[in-house]
Amino acid sequence: MSNFIVYPAIDLRAGNVVRLRQGDYADETIYGDDPVSVATAFVDAGAQWVHMVDLDAAKGGDAINRPVIAAVAKALQGRAYVQVGGGVRSVADAEALQALGVQRVVMGSAAVRTPQLVEEVTQSIGVEVAVGLDHRGGFLATDGWTSTSSVALSEALHWYPTATCAVVTDISRDGMLSGSDVEGLRAAGTISPLPLIASGGIGTLDDISALLNIVGVSGVITGKAIYENRFTVQEAIAAVNAGRQ
């Protein structure tokens, strides 16, 4: 809990800051066209990390947002760290993001299909890897959440000995502002060899506070609640600090 980190999120599509509802590309809200200023504002408010998702790369592999990611990383250099997911399917993809100034990549579908790829990335280029484990009802979903597999989250958590952490997203809650899957995270946290970052469903400061005492949960990703003015990054960090006392 002492190192619990708030990761404000920037989802990129065609260079814009957007949010999708339950991962649906047809249900998109655009919140801005200047990701650098958004990221800078997050760090000005106290964020240590910024979480970015390249939705174009995740859907079709098109890396059109890399110049934007590079600009954000440059603006935050020496002030905060950048974690990027979406379309990281190979060592080359991870290497390209590392060259842009990204400190940690998030590997999702590719890591589920080829678990040893995570080890290849960490050993060959040395960048940190978070494994993105997105699930419906405890079973992993891949390919932009269009395919649900028979692999249980509880099983996959043990596949990645060289990963830094796992980003666990309950798809049914993503973008819904309905609260985290507290019970599911509690169950995962007790068995996971990796620290967990909770993702999906954060709508209130109480939702963040509810995660602070869950064994194994080391952080939370929050996006829509910030953009919908449910709370600020500064308030989220203050809630974490208050919960530690």
Foldseek 3Di string as FASTA:
>chain_A
DVQAAEAEEFEDDPQFGWFAQLLDPVRIDTLGNQVQVVLVVLLVLPHQEYEYEHAVCLQPNDPPCLVVLLSNLVSCVPRHAYEYEHNCQALVSVVSSVVSNHQEYEAEQNCVVPVCRQVVNCPVPNGAYEYEAEAEPQFGAGSSRPGTDPHGPLVVLPSHPRHQAYEYEDSNQAPVLQAFPLVVQLVSLVRHPGQYEYEGNNAALVSLLSNQPRHRHRYYYDYPNCSVPRDHSNVNVVSNVVSVD
